[in-house]
Each structure stands twice: as structure tokens, then as C-alpha cells.
Amino acid sequence: MRLQKKINPSTRKQSLKQIALMIANGEKIETIKPGWVKLVADIAGSGDKIDVNDLVQGVLKQSYLECSRDPQLQAEKVDRLSKKQKEIRNRISKLQEELNSAGEDTQLANMDLQNSLQRQQQTLQMMSNISKALHDSATSVIQNIKG
């Protein structure tokens, strides 16, 4: 048996993690198997003692941890989005209050405008009446002088 150089522990760990990710992502055994065979061959060829059960348990544990991490990340994402949704609802509520207040102010302004227009109309009517009265009296005076 030809001995290869010892496999670096970080390389072994990285290979195990990569295989665990593949398992966690639900990849087919045909895709996982080549990396697994290479890892086992590298460990066995380096002369290191190999416990297949420990190796299998290690990769399955890492796969489980990867699977567990995904729901945790999703839960954190849901929490963040829920907080953001609450903030947006609060802003919408404040804007709705401002809109209601502005609507009430607009109604009051419209009433003031109507009152102002009504007073203006009354003033114009009064001026028209005065103008007619002045005209009539001037015409009457002129008729009396000619007369």
C-alpha cells in the first residue's frame, strides 16, 4: 500500500463540511459519493487511523447542524421582517392621522372660503343696489331740473 502525505485537518474538516452541505441541500447520493470516496481514500491513504462510524456520524452531525441553521436563519428573517412591518404600520397610522387632520383642515378651509365668497357676493349685491339707487336718484334729479 502506497502512503500518501497526511491530509491536513482543516482540509478534512472542509471536505466533511462540504459533503454535509450537499446532504443538507438534499443532493442525490450520486453527487455526494465521489467527494465522500475521495475523502475516505485520502484519509486511508495517508496512514491515519480511520473509524468509518465516527466519520459517518461526523458528516451526519454536520449535515444536521446545517439543516438546523437554515430554520434559525429563517426565523431571524421573520423576526426582522415582522419588526419592519410593525414600523411601517406605525408610520402608516401616523400618516393616516395626518391625512385625517388635513382632511378636517381642508373642510374648515372650504367652509371659510364659502363664507368669504358669500360675503363677497353680498357686498357686490349691495354695491349694485347702491349703484342703481344712485343712478335712479341722479336721473330723477336731472329730470326734475329739465322739467
Protein backbone atom coordinates (compact mmCIF):
# COMPACT_ATOMS: atom_id res chain seq x y z
CA MET A 1 0.00 0.00 0.00
CA ARG A 2 1.40 3.33 -1.06
CA LEU A 3 1.25 6.04 1.63
CA GLN A 4 0.22 9.50 0.63
CA LYS A 5 1.09 12.56 2.61
CA LYS A 6 -1.08 13.18 5.67
CA ILE A 7 -4.30 15.01 4.98
CA ASN A 8 -4.45 18.43 6.60
CA PRO A 9 -7.05 18.54 9.45
CA SER A 10 -8.55 21.77 8.13
CA THR A 11 -8.82 20.22 4.65
CA ARG A 12 -10.50 17.16 6.17
CA LYS A 13 -12.91 19.38 8.10
CA GLN A 14 -13.66 21.45 4.99
CA SER A 15 -14.32 18.29 2.95
CA LEU A 16 -16.64 16.94 5.66
CA LYS A 17 -18.49 20.25 5.78
CA GLN A 18 -18.85 20.32 2.00
CA ILE A 19 -20.30 16.79 1.99
CA ALA A 20 -22.57 17.70 4.91
CA LEU A 21 -23.86 20.73 2.96
CA MET A 22 -24.59 18.54 -0.01
CA ILE A 23 -26.58 16.17 2.21
CA ALA A 24 -28.38 19.09 3.90
CA ASN A 25 -29.29 20.54 0.49
CA GLY A 26 -30.86 17.21 -0.49
CA GLU A 27 -28.46 16.39 -3.29
CA LYS A 28 -28.55 12.87 -4.74
CA ILE A 29 -26.17 10.21 -3.46
CA GLU A 30 -24.59 10.03 -6.94
CA THR A 31 -23.47 13.64 -6.49
CA ILE A 32 -22.27 13.14 -2.90
CA LYS A 33 -20.50 9.81 -3.35
CA PRO A 34 -17.42 10.95 -5.39
CA GLY A 35 -16.43 13.53 -2.76
CA TRP A 36 -17.04 11.00 0.02
CA VAL A 37 -14.95 8.31 -1.66
CA LYS A 38 -12.11 10.77 -2.25
CA LEU A 39 -12.17 11.91 1.40
CA VAL A 40 -12.12 8.33 2.73
CA ALA A 41 -9.37 7.35 0.27
CA ASP A 42 -7.28 10.39 1.25
CA ILE A 43 -7.62 9.59 4.96
CA ALA A 44 -6.93 5.88 4.49
CA GLY A 45 -4.02 6.54 2.11
CA SER A 46 -2.37 8.97 4.50
CA GLY A 47 -1.86 6.25 7.09
CA ASP A 48 -4.18 7.86 9.62
CA LYS A 49 -6.35 5.50 11.59
CA ILE A 50 -9.84 5.67 10.18
CA ASP A 51 -13.04 4.92 12.11
CA VAL A 52 -15.76 4.75 9.48
CA ASN A 53 -18.56 5.05 12.05
CA ASP A 54 -17.03 8.21 13.52
CA LEU A 55 -16.57 9.64 10.05
CA VAL A 56 -20.20 8.87 9.06
CA GLN A 57 -21.51 10.25 12.37
CA GLY A 58 -19.39 13.37 11.95
CA VAL A 59 -20.69 14.14 8.47
CA LEU A 60 -24.30 13.43 9.52
CA LYS A 61 -23.93 15.64 12.60
CA GLN A 62 -22.54 18.46 10.46
CA SER A 63 -25.38 17.94 7.98
CA TYR A 64 -27.93 18.13 10.81
CA LEU A 65 -26.33 21.33 12.10
CA GLU A 66 -26.53 22.85 8.61
CA CYS A 67 -30.20 21.84 8.36
CA SER A 68 -30.89 23.30 11.81
CA ARG A 69 -29.15 26.53 10.94
CA ASP A 70 -31.44 27.22 7.97
CA PRO A 71 -34.68 27.35 10.01
CA GLN A 72 -32.92 29.50 12.59
CA LEU A 73 -31.87 31.92 9.86
CA GLN A 74 -35.42 31.90 8.51
CA ALA A 75 -36.79 32.59 12.00
CA GLU A 76 -34.42 35.53 12.37
CA LYS A 77 -35.50 36.79 8.96
CA VAL A 78 -39.17 36.51 10.00
CA ASP A 79 -38.38 38.47 13.19
CA ARG A 80 -36.61 41.22 11.22
CA LEU A 81 -39.44 41.44 8.70
CA SER A 82 -42.06 41.46 11.48
CA LYS A 83 -40.31 44.38 13.17
CA LYS A 84 -40.06 46.21 9.86
CA GLN A 85 -43.74 45.53 9.18
CA LYS A 86 -44.65 46.91 12.62
CA GLU A 87 -42.59 50.06 11.95
CA ILE A 88 -44.29 50.52 8.59
CA ARG A 89 -47.74 50.05 10.14
CA ASN A 90 -46.88 52.66 12.78
CA ARG A 91 -45.77 55.08 10.05
CA ILE A 92 -48.94 54.37 8.08
CA SER A 93 -51.01 55.00 11.20
CA LYS A 94 -49.28 58.35 11.80
CA LEU A 95 -49.71 59.32 8.15
CA GLN A 96 -53.40 58.33 8.34
CA GLU A 97 -53.81 60.59 11.37
CA GLU A 98 -52.10 63.43 9.50
CA LEU A 99 -54.30 62.78 6.48
CA ASN A 100 -57.44 62.84 8.63
CA SER A 101 -56.30 66.06 10.28
CA ALA A 102 -55.51 67.59 6.90
CA GLY A 103 -58.93 66.50 5.67
CA GLU A 104 -60.60 68.23 8.60
CA ASP A 105 -58.48 71.34 8.00
CA THR A 106 -59.45 71.26 4.31
CA GLN A 107 -63.14 71.06 5.22
CA LEU A 108 -62.77 74.05 7.53
CA ALA A 109 -60.87 75.97 4.86
CA ASN A 110 -63.61 75.16 2.33
CA MET A 111 -66.25 76.44 4.74
CA ASP A 112 -64.23 79.63 5.29
CA LEU A 113 -63.90 80.05 1.52
CA GLN A 114 -67.65 79.57 1.03
CA ASN A 115 -68.39 82.13 3.76
CA SER A 116 -65.91 84.57 2.20
CA LEU A 117 -67.43 84.09 -1.25
CA GLN A 118 -70.91 84.57 0.23
CA ARG A 119 -69.83 87.84 1.92
CA GLN A 120 -68.25 88.98 -1.34
CA GLN A 121 -71.48 88.19 -3.20
CA GLN A 122 -73.50 90.11 -0.60
CA THR A 123 -71.12 93.08 -0.92
CA LEU A 124 -71.40 93.05 -4.71
CA GLN A 125 -75.21 92.88 -4.45
CA MET A 126 -75.23 95.78 -2.01
CA MET A 127 -72.94 97.82 -4.30
CA SER A 128 -75.18 97.02 -7.24
CA ASN A 129 -78.24 98.15 -5.24
CA ILE A 130 -76.46 101.36 -4.18
CA SER A 131 -75.33 101.99 -7.76
CA LYS A 132 -78.89 101.56 -9.03
CA ALA A 133 -80.23 103.82 -6.29
CA LEU A 134 -77.63 106.50 -7.07
CA HIS A 135 -78.34 106.19 -10.77
CA ASP A 136 -82.09 106.40 -10.22
CA SER A 137 -81.77 109.42 -7.93
CA ALA A 138 -79.36 111.18 -10.33
CA THR A 139 -81.74 110.51 -13.21
CA SER A 140 -84.64 111.80 -11.16
CA VAL A 141 -82.77 114.99 -10.22
CA ILE A 142 -81.86 115.62 -13.85
CA GLN A 143 -85.45 115.04 -14.95
CA ASN A 144 -86.73 117.45 -12.30
CA ILE A 145 -84.26 120.15 -13.40
CA LYS A 146 -85.22 119.75 -17.09
CA GLY A 147 -88.64 119.62 -16.32
